[in-house]
Amino acid sequence: MGIKYSVQALTQTKEGGLVLHPKYFKYLQIHCPNFAMEACKVTTRMREIVLSSWEAIASGNTPGMKAKVAPGSSPVVFFYDYFYGSLFKTAPEVKPLFRASIIIQGKALISIVQTVTNEANVENAIEKVVDLAYRHNKYKVKMGYYNVLGNVLLTAVRECSGDGVWNAEMEAAWRHVYAFMMTAMCPILYHGQQDPTDKEKQMAKTGKYLHSVTFRRPKEVEPATSVVPTGQCPVPGMTSINPGQCPVPH
C-alpha cells in the first residue's frame, strides 16, 4: 500500500529565474556542477547573443571558422564533427550512446539550444525540453555526462568563434542557456522515468512531479512461547511453586 503526491520541482521567480526544489538542486550540483545555478535566467540579451553567434558559426563568418574550414566545405558539418570529435575524445564511454550520424546528432543539439533561446516564455521553454529529458532516459544517458557535454559545447563554440569574437559575455550567455536546459531537465533525469503517462508528462511540463511513498504492512507478532518447561520453576533451587507461594527466596 502507498500514496502518491505531487511536488513542485520547478518554480519561477518574479525576475524570471528558474529555481529547482532543494532536493533536485543538490542532485544537479553533484552531477553537473558547472551548470548548476540557483535561479537560472536567460535574458533577452543572452538569447540574442547565442542566436547571432550560432548564425555566424553556421555561415562560416567567424574568424575561427574562416581559419579552420576548408573552401567548399560545410561550416555546420565542420562544427558537428569538431564538437562530437572533442566529446568522444574527452569521454569515449559516451560514444555508444550516439548511434545516429554525426549530422543528425548535431542538428538535435543545436535545435535544443535554438528552442530555448527562441522561447522568451519560461513555461514554453520548459515544455520543449521535457520530451528531450524522457528520451535521454531511454538512451541511458548518465547525469554526469551532461556536465561533460556542456563543457565541450562551450569549448567548441569558443574555438569556432575565434579570437576577437569570443568573450566573457558570450560565454555567460551560452552557459546560461545550457544551465537553463539542465535545470528544466533535472527532475526527470533524477527519477529516470522512461515511459511517463500522459498525466505525468503534462505535470512535468508545469514543473510538477509525482512521488510515491510505499508503506510496508507490519509483520504479525506471534505469541511468545515459554522457554521454561511446563511445571518447572524458573528460580534456581526451587523445583516447583505451590499456589500462593512467592518464588523468590526471602
C-alpha atoms as a PDB file:
ATOM      1  CA  MET A   1       0.000   0.000   0.000  1.00  0.00           C
ATOM      2  CA  GLY A   2       1.127   3.581  -0.528  1.00  0.00           C
ATOM      3  CA  ILE A   3       0.219   7.104  -1.519  1.00  0.00           C
ATOM      4  CA  LYS A   4       1.112   9.427  -4.387  1.00  0.00           C
ATOM      5  CA  TYR A   5       1.612  13.150  -4.062  1.00  0.00           C
ATOM      6  CA  SER A   6       2.895  15.900  -6.332  1.00  0.00           C
ATOM      7  CA  VAL A   7       5.961  18.050  -5.724  1.00  0.00           C
ATOM      8  CA  GLN A   8       6.566  21.438  -7.329  1.00  0.00           C
ATOM      9  CA  ALA A   9      10.103  20.764  -8.521  1.00  0.00           C
ATOM     10  CA  LEU A  10      10.419  23.933 -10.613  1.00  0.00           C
ATOM     11  CA  THR A  11       9.345  27.432  -9.681  1.00  0.00           C
ATOM     12  CA  GLN A  12       9.851  30.795 -11.316  1.00  0.00           C
ATOM     13  CA  THR A  13      10.979  33.952  -9.542  1.00  0.00           C
ATOM     14  CA  LYS A  14       9.427  37.358 -10.186  1.00  0.00           C
ATOM     15  CA  GLU A  15      12.548  38.209 -12.182  1.00  0.00           C
ATOM     16  CA  GLY A  16      12.074  35.180 -14.428  1.00  0.00           C
ATOM     17  CA  GLY A  17      14.691  32.904 -12.893  1.00  0.00           C
ATOM     18  CA  LEU A  18      14.117  29.160 -12.872  1.00  0.00           C
ATOM     19  CA  VAL A  19      14.553  27.608  -9.412  1.00  0.00           C
ATOM     20  CA  LEU A  20      14.846  23.926  -8.528  1.00  0.00           C
ATOM     21  CA  HIS A  21      13.447  22.280  -5.414  1.00  0.00           C
ATOM     22  CA  PRO A  22      16.412  21.862  -2.960  1.00  0.00           C
ATOM     23  CA  LYS A  23      16.382  18.072  -3.384  1.00  0.00           C
ATOM     24  CA  TYR A  24      16.851  18.312  -7.146  1.00  0.00           C
ATOM     25  CA  PHE A  25      19.244  21.253  -6.994  1.00  0.00           C
ATOM     26  CA  LYS A  26      21.587  19.252  -4.760  1.00  0.00           C
ATOM     27  CA  TYR A  27      21.490  16.443  -7.324  1.00  0.00           C
ATOM     28  CA  LEU A  28      22.340  18.924 -10.089  1.00  0.00           C
ATOM     29  CA  GLN A  29      25.215  20.392  -8.066  1.00  0.00           C
ATOM     30  CA  ILE A  30      26.736  16.951  -7.541  1.00  0.00           C
ATOM     31  CA  HIS A  31      26.470  15.640 -11.100  1.00  0.00           C
ATOM     32  CA  CYS A  32      26.508  18.790 -13.239  1.00  0.00           C
ATOM     33  CA  PRO A  33      28.387  21.356 -11.114  1.00  0.00           C
ATOM     34  CA  ASN A  34      29.482  23.654 -13.937  1.00  0.00           C
ATOM     35  CA  PHE A  35      25.875  24.383 -14.887  1.00  0.00           C
ATOM     36  CA  ALA A  36      24.082  24.400 -11.527  1.00  0.00           C
ATOM     37  CA  MET A  37      22.584  27.859 -10.995  1.00  0.00           C
ATOM     38  CA  GLU A  38      20.272  28.660  -8.092  1.00  0.00           C
ATOM     39  CA  ALA A  39      17.994  30.934 -10.124  1.00  0.00           C
ATOM     40  CA  CYS A  40      18.867  30.427 -13.771  1.00  0.00           C
ATOM     41  CA  LYS A  41      17.588  33.182 -16.025  1.00  0.00           C
ATOM     42  CA  VAL A  42      18.138  33.602 -19.763  1.00  0.00           C
ATOM     43  CA  THR A  43      17.798  37.290 -20.563  1.00  0.00           C
ATOM     44  CA  THR A  44      16.787  38.791 -23.889  1.00  0.00           C
ATOM     45  CA  ARG A  45      20.368  39.912 -24.394  1.00  0.00           C
ATOM     46  CA  MET A  46      21.656  36.380 -23.781  1.00  0.00           C
ATOM     47  CA  ARG A  47      19.214  34.905 -26.281  1.00  0.00           C
ATOM     48  CA  GLU A  48      20.308  37.427 -28.900  1.00  0.00           C
ATOM     49  CA  ILE A  49      23.995  36.648 -28.325  1.00  0.00           C
ATOM     50  CA  VAL A  50      23.535  32.884 -28.576  1.00  0.00           C
ATOM     51  CA  LEU A  51      21.391  33.049 -31.709  1.00  0.00           C
ATOM     52  CA  SER A  52      23.627  35.549 -33.506  1.00  0.00           C
ATOM     53  CA  SER A  53      26.828  33.705 -32.589  1.00  0.00           C
ATOM     54  CA  TRP A  54      25.411  30.418 -33.847  1.00  0.00           C
ATOM     55  CA  GLU A  55      24.273  32.025 -37.101  1.00  0.00           C
ATOM     56  CA  ALA A  56      27.783  33.399 -37.605  1.00  0.00           C
ATOM     57  CA  ILE A  57      29.333  29.976 -36.986  1.00  0.00           C
ATOM     58  CA  ALA A  58      26.826  28.168 -39.215  1.00  0.00           C
ATOM     59  CA  SER A  59      27.505  30.574 -42.074  1.00  0.00           C
ATOM     60  CA  GLY A  60      31.274  30.359 -41.611  1.00  0.00           C
ATOM     61  CA  ASN A  61      31.597  34.089 -40.944  1.00  0.00           C
ATOM     62  CA  THR A  62      33.686  33.966 -37.783  1.00  0.00           C
ATOM     63  CA  PRO A  63      37.484  34.238 -37.566  1.00  0.00           C
ATOM     64  CA  GLY A  64      37.611  30.729 -36.143  1.00  0.00           C
ATOM     65  CA  MET A  65      35.581  29.161 -38.948  1.00  0.00           C
ATOM     66  CA  LYS A  66      37.425  31.058 -41.664  1.00  0.00           C
ATOM     67  CA  ALA A  67      40.704  29.714 -40.316  1.00  0.00           C
ATOM     68  CA  LYS A  68      39.544  26.123 -39.839  1.00  0.00           C
ATOM     69  CA  VAL A  69      37.026  25.266 -42.565  1.00  0.00           C
ATOM     70  CA  ALA A  70      38.370  24.275 -45.973  1.00  0.00           C
ATOM     71  CA  PRO A  71      36.951  26.107 -49.011  1.00  0.00           C
ATOM     72  CA  GLY A  72      33.781  24.466 -50.262  1.00  0.00           C
ATOM     73  CA  SER A  73      33.190  22.583 -47.010  1.00  0.00           C
ATOM     74  CA  SER A  74      30.107  22.998 -44.854  1.00  0.00           C
ATOM     75  CA  PRO A  75      30.708  25.102 -41.720  1.00  0.00           C
ATOM     76  CA  VAL A  76      27.826  23.346 -39.954  1.00  0.00           C
ATOM     77  CA  VAL A  77      29.182  19.862 -40.647  1.00  0.00           C
ATOM     78  CA  PHE A  78      32.618  21.035 -39.504  1.00  0.00           C
ATOM     79  CA  PHE A  79      31.145  22.247 -36.222  1.00  0.00           C
ATOM     80  CA  TYR A  80      29.321  18.954 -35.646  1.00  0.00           C
ATOM     81  CA  ASP A  81      32.468  16.964 -36.414  1.00  0.00           C
ATOM     82  CA  TYR A  82      34.538  19.189 -34.144  1.00  0.00           C
ATOM     83  CA  PHE A  83      32.057  19.023 -31.280  1.00  0.00           C
ATOM     84  CA  TYR A  84      31.471  15.266 -31.303  1.00  0.00           C
ATOM     85  CA  GLY A  85      35.123  14.513 -32.004  1.00  0.00           C
ATOM     86  CA  SER A  86      36.041  16.509 -28.897  1.00  0.00           C
ATOM     87  CA  LEU A  87      33.267  14.857 -26.885  1.00  0.00           C
ATOM     88  CA  PHE A  88      34.322  11.315 -27.774  1.00  0.00           C
ATOM     89  CA  LYS A  89      37.954  12.156 -27.052  1.00  0.00           C
ATOM     90  CA  THR A  90      37.069  13.646 -23.668  1.00  0.00           C
ATOM     91  CA  ALA A  91      34.585  10.924 -22.701  1.00  0.00           C
ATOM     92  CA  PRO A  92      34.966   7.888 -25.010  1.00  0.00           C
ATOM     93  CA  GLU A  93      32.491   5.921 -22.900  1.00  0.00           C
ATOM     94  CA  VAL A  94      29.604   8.022 -24.254  1.00  0.00           C
ATOM     95  CA  LYS A  95      30.182   7.093 -27.901  1.00  0.00           C
ATOM     96  CA  PRO A  96      27.842   4.052 -27.876  1.00  0.00           C
ATOM     97  CA  LEU A  97      25.017   6.362 -26.775  1.00  0.00           C
ATOM     98  CA  PHE A  98      25.193   8.273 -30.053  1.00  0.00           C
ATOM     99  CA  ARG A  99      24.062   5.767 -32.664  1.00  0.00           C
ATOM    100  CA  ALA A 100      22.776   8.204 -35.284  1.00  0.00           C
ATOM    101  CA  SER A 101      25.031  10.007 -37.734  1.00  0.00           C
ATOM    102  CA  ILE A 102      27.030  12.977 -36.550  1.00  0.00           C
ATOM    103  CA  ILE A 103      24.918  15.357 -38.634  1.00  0.00           C
ATOM    104  CA  ILE A 104      21.647  14.142 -37.114  1.00  0.00           C
ATOM    105  CA  GLN A 105      23.130  14.324 -33.618  1.00  0.00           C
ATOM    106  CA  GLY A 106      24.440  17.812 -34.228  1.00  0.00           C
ATOM    107  CA  LYS A 107      21.126  19.055 -35.567  1.00  0.00           C
ATOM    108  CA  ALA A 108      19.389  17.727 -32.466  1.00  0.00           C
ATOM    109  CA  LEU A 109      21.859  19.512 -30.199  1.00  0.00           C
ATOM    110  CA  ILE A 110      21.577  22.888 -31.900  1.00  0.00           C
ATOM    111  CA  SER A 111      17.821  22.501 -32.229  1.00  0.00           C
ATOM    112  CA  ILE A 112      17.583  22.280 -28.446  1.00  0.00           C
ATOM    113  CA  VAL A 113      19.727  25.378 -27.983  1.00  0.00           C
ATOM    114  CA  GLN A 114      17.683  27.308 -30.528  1.00  0.00           C
ATOM    115  CA  THR A 115      14.448  26.161 -28.903  1.00  0.00           C
ATOM    116  CA  VAL A 116      15.452  27.597 -25.538  1.00  0.00           C
ATOM    117  CA  THR A 117      16.777  30.838 -26.988  1.00  0.00           C
ATOM    118  CA  ASN A 118      13.747  31.386 -29.213  1.00  0.00           C
ATOM    119  CA  GLU A 119      11.310  30.949 -26.327  1.00  0.00           C
ATOM    120  CA  ALA A 120      11.057  34.140 -24.314  1.00  0.00           C
ATOM    121  CA  ASN A 121       8.325  32.495 -22.226  1.00  0.00           C
ATOM    122  CA  VAL A 122       9.826  30.292 -19.498  1.00  0.00           C
ATOM    123  CA  GLU A 123       6.853  27.912 -19.370  1.00  0.00           C
ATOM    124  CA  ASN A 124       7.025  27.301 -23.111  1.00  0.00           C
ATOM    125  CA  ALA A 125      10.764  26.678 -22.935  1.00  0.00           C
ATOM    126  CA  ILE A 126      10.269  24.106 -20.173  1.00  0.00           C
ATOM    127  CA  GLU A 127       7.701  22.254 -22.265  1.00  0.00           C
ATOM    128  CA  LYS A 128      10.194  21.988 -25.129  1.00  0.00           C
ATOM    129  CA  VAL A 129      12.866  20.208 -23.081  1.00  0.00           C
ATOM    130  CA  VAL A 130      10.590  17.779 -21.207  1.00  0.00           C
ATOM    131  CA  ASP A 131      10.343  15.314 -24.099  1.00  0.00           C
ATOM    132  CA  LEU A 132      14.098  15.545 -24.590  1.00  0.00           C
ATOM    133  CA  ALA A 133      14.704  14.538 -20.976  1.00  0.00           C
ATOM    134  CA  TYR A 134      12.459  11.480 -21.238  1.00  0.00           C
ATOM    135  CA  ARG A 135      14.183  10.406 -24.469  1.00  0.00           C
ATOM    136  CA  HIS A 136      17.599  10.702 -22.869  1.00  0.00           C
ATOM    137  CA  ASN A 137      16.439   8.489 -20.012  1.00  0.00           C
ATOM    138  CA  LYS A 138      15.654   5.831 -22.615  1.00  0.00           C
ATOM    139  CA  TYR A 139      19.164   6.218 -24.018  1.00  0.00           C
ATOM    140  CA  LYS A 140      20.592   5.597 -20.511  1.00  0.00           C
ATOM    141  CA  VAL A 141      22.495   8.896 -20.504  1.00  0.00           C
ATOM    142  CA  LYS A 142      24.079   9.328 -17.076  1.00  0.00           C
ATOM    143  CA  MET A 143      23.679  12.658 -15.330  1.00  0.00           C
ATOM    144  CA  GLY A 144      27.429  13.211 -15.151  1.00  0.00           C
ATOM    145  CA  TYR A 145      27.678  13.111 -18.949  1.00  0.00           C
ATOM    146  CA  TYR A 146      25.679  16.322 -19.224  1.00  0.00           C
ATOM    147  CA  ASN A 147      28.401  18.248 -17.426  1.00  0.00           C
ATOM    148  CA  VAL A 148      30.989  16.944 -19.889  1.00  0.00           C
ATOM    149  CA  LEU A 149      28.726  17.687 -22.852  1.00  0.00           C
ATOM    150  CA  GLY A 150      28.144  21.259 -21.678  1.00  0.00           C
ATOM    151  CA  ASN A 151      31.846  21.931 -21.229  1.00  0.00           C
ATOM    152  CA  VAL A 152      32.650  20.517 -24.664  1.00  0.00           C
ATOM    153  CA  LEU A 153      29.872  22.599 -26.227  1.00  0.00           C
ATOM    154  CA  LEU A 154      31.271  25.817 -24.778  1.00  0.00           C
ATOM    155  CA  THR A 155      34.770  24.894 -25.946  1.00  0.00           C
ATOM    156  CA  ALA A 156      33.531  24.139 -29.470  1.00  0.00           C
ATOM    157  CA  VAL A 157      31.674  27.449 -29.709  1.00  0.00           C
ATOM    158  CA  ARG A 158      34.733  29.296 -28.410  1.00  0.00           C
ATOM    159  CA  GLU A 159      37.120  27.651 -30.871  1.00  0.00           C
ATOM    160  CA  CYS A 160      34.761  28.100 -33.805  1.00  0.00           C
ATOM    161  CA  SER A 161      34.109  31.735 -32.912  1.00  0.00           C
ATOM    162  CA  GLY A 162      37.770  32.628 -32.746  1.00  0.00           C
ATOM    163  CA  ASP A 163      39.812  35.439 -31.258  1.00  0.00           C
ATOM    164  CA  GLY A 164      38.153  38.811 -31.044  1.00  0.00           C
ATOM    165  CA  VAL A 165      34.664  37.299 -31.043  1.00  0.00           C
ATOM    166  CA  TRP A 166      34.502  35.013 -28.038  1.00  0.00           C
ATOM    167  CA  ASN A 167      34.367  36.980 -24.802  1.00  0.00           C
ATOM    168  CA  ALA A 168      33.055  36.755 -21.234  1.00  0.00           C
ATOM    169  CA  GLU A 169      29.585  37.964 -22.204  1.00  0.00           C
ATOM    170  CA  MET A 170      29.243  35.329 -24.922  1.00  0.00           C
ATOM    171  CA  GLU A 171      30.462  32.592 -22.607  1.00  0.00           C
ATOM    172  CA  ALA A 172      27.954  33.640 -19.930  1.00  0.00           C
ATOM    173  CA  ALA A 173      25.131  33.614 -22.487  1.00  0.00           C
ATOM    174  CA  TRP A 174      25.865  30.094 -23.740  1.00  0.00           C
ATOM    175  CA  ARG A 175      26.455  28.841 -20.195  1.00  0.00           C
ATOM    176  CA  HIS A 176      23.105  30.217 -19.003  1.00  0.00           C
ATOM    177  CA  VAL A 177      21.208  28.683 -21.922  1.00  0.00           C
ATOM    178  CA  TYR A 178      22.702  25.266 -21.240  1.00  0.00           C
ATOM    179  CA  ALA A 179      22.165  25.669 -17.486  1.00  0.00           C
ATOM    180  CA  PHE A 180      18.505  26.506 -18.140  1.00  0.00           C
ATOM    181  CA  MET A 181      18.137  23.279 -20.109  1.00  0.00           C
ATOM    182  CA  MET A 182      19.725  21.259 -17.314  1.00  0.00           C
ATOM    183  CA  THR A 183      17.588  22.929 -14.651  1.00  0.00           C
ATOM    184  CA  ALA A 184      14.399  22.098 -16.544  1.00  0.00           C
ATOM    185  CA  MET A 185      15.501  18.523 -17.265  1.00  0.00           C
ATOM    186  CA  CYS A 186      16.951  17.701 -13.846  1.00  0.00           C
ATOM    187  CA  PRO A 187      13.837  16.328 -12.056  1.00  0.00           C
ATOM    188  CA  ILE A 188      13.070  13.968 -14.940  1.00  0.00           C
ATOM    189  CA  LEU A 189      16.678  12.814 -15.130  1.00  0.00           C
ATOM    190  CA  TYR A 190      16.710  12.334 -11.355  1.00  0.00           C
ATOM    191  CA  HIS A 191      13.803   9.883 -11.409  1.00  0.00           C
ATOM    192  CA  GLY A 192      14.977   8.160 -14.589  1.00  0.00           C
ATOM    193  CA  GLN A 193      11.443   7.576 -15.814  1.00  0.00           C
ATOM    194  CA  GLN A 194      11.295   6.458 -19.452  1.00  0.00           C
ATOM    195  CA  ASP A 195       7.617   5.930 -20.247  1.00  0.00           C
ATOM    196  CA  PRO A 196       5.535   8.532 -18.417  1.00  0.00           C
ATOM    197  CA  THR A 197       1.766   8.576 -18.592  1.00  0.00           C
ATOM    198  CA  ASP A 198       0.078  11.491 -20.322  1.00  0.00           C
ATOM    199  CA  LYS A 199      -0.805  12.893 -16.906  1.00  0.00           C
ATOM    200  CA  GLU A 200       2.776  12.635 -15.655  1.00  0.00           C
ATOM    201  CA  LYS A 201       4.147  14.254 -18.793  1.00  0.00           C
ATOM    202  CA  GLN A 202       1.644  17.100 -18.572  1.00  0.00           C
ATOM    203  CA  MET A 203       2.561  17.663 -14.934  1.00  0.00           C
ATOM    204  CA  ALA A 204       6.260  17.676 -15.820  1.00  0.00           C
ATOM    205  CA  LYS A 205       5.644  20.450 -18.327  1.00  0.00           C
ATOM    206  CA  THR A 206       4.400  22.600 -15.448  1.00  0.00           C
ATOM    207  CA  GLY A 207       7.316  21.653 -13.221  1.00  0.00           C
ATOM    208  CA  LYS A 208       5.383  19.161 -11.087  1.00  0.00           C
ATOM    209  CA  TYR A 209       6.316  15.547 -10.449  1.00  0.00           C
ATOM    210  CA  LEU A 210       4.513  12.645  -8.831  1.00  0.00           C
ATOM    211  CA  HIS A 211       6.162  10.965  -5.869  1.00  0.00           C
ATOM    212  CA  SER A 212       5.160   7.624  -4.407  1.00  0.00           C
ATOM    213  CA  VAL A 213       5.509   6.504  -0.821  1.00  0.00           C
ATOM    214  CA  THR A 214       5.028   2.821  -0.056  1.00  0.00           C
ATOM    215  CA  PHE A 215       4.125   1.625   3.398  1.00  0.00           C
ATOM    216  CA  ARG A 216       5.040  -1.907   4.353  1.00  0.00           C
ATOM    217  CA  ARG A 217       2.482  -3.831   6.326  1.00  0.00           C
ATOM    218  CA  PRO A 218       3.931  -4.685   9.744  1.00  0.00           C
ATOM    219  CA  LYS A 219       4.550  -8.335  10.376  1.00  0.00           C
ATOM    220  CA  GLU A 220       2.125 -10.057  12.702  1.00  0.00           C
ATOM    221  CA  VAL A 221       3.665 -10.774  16.074  1.00  0.00           C
ATOM    222  CA  GLU A 222       3.492 -14.406  17.055  1.00  0.00           C
ATOM    223  CA  PRO A 223       2.681 -15.162  20.720  1.00  0.00           C
ATOM    224  CA  ALA A 224       5.844 -15.864  22.644  1.00  0.00           C
ATOM    225  CA  THR A 225       6.358 -19.406  23.807  1.00  0.00           C
ATOM    226  CA  SER A 226       7.726 -20.152  27.244  1.00  0.00           C
ATOM    227  CA  VAL A 227      11.351 -21.139  27.414  1.00  0.00           C
ATOM    228  CA  VAL A 228      10.709 -22.851  30.738  1.00  0.00           C
ATOM    229  CA  PRO A 229       9.373 -26.408  30.582  1.00  0.00           C
ATOM    230  CA  THR A 230       5.878 -26.859  31.927  1.00  0.00           C
ATOM    231  CA  GLY A 231       5.816 -27.362  35.687  1.00  0.00           C
ATOM    232  CA  GLN A 232       9.426 -26.321  36.207  1.00  0.00           C
ATOM    233  CA  CYS A 233      10.217 -23.348  38.429  1.00  0.00           C
ATOM    234  CA  PRO A 234      12.288 -20.644  36.753  1.00  0.00           C
ATOM    235  CA  VAL A 235      14.044 -19.754  40.019  1.00  0.00           C
ATOM    236  CA  PRO A 236      17.215 -21.770  40.716  1.00  0.00           C
ATOM    237  CA  GLY A 237      16.932 -24.002  43.741  1.00  0.00           C
ATOM    238  CA  MET A 238      13.187 -24.426  43.589  1.00  0.00           C
ATOM    239  CA  THR A 239      11.690 -27.392  41.845  1.00  0.00           C
ATOM    240  CA  SER A 240       8.089 -26.284  41.935  1.00  0.00           C
ATOM    241  CA  ILE A 241       5.803 -23.492  43.013  1.00  0.00           C
ATOM    242  CA  ASN A 242       2.900 -24.071  45.346  1.00  0.00           C
ATOM    243  CA  PRO A 243      -0.217 -21.947  44.895  1.00  0.00           C
ATOM    244  CA  GLY A 244       0.170 -18.694  46.824  1.00  0.00           C
ATOM    245  CA  GLN A 245       3.910 -19.189  47.341  1.00  0.00           C
ATOM    246  CA  CYS A 246       6.370 -16.457  46.289  1.00  0.00           C
ATOM    247  CA  PRO A 247       9.017 -17.976  44.029  1.00  0.00           C
ATOM    248  CA  VAL A 248      11.737 -15.570  45.220  1.00  0.00           C
ATOM    249  CA  PRO A 249      13.521 -16.662  48.404  1.00  0.00           C
ATOM    250  CA  HIS A 250      13.402 -14.127  51.269  1.00  0.00           C
END
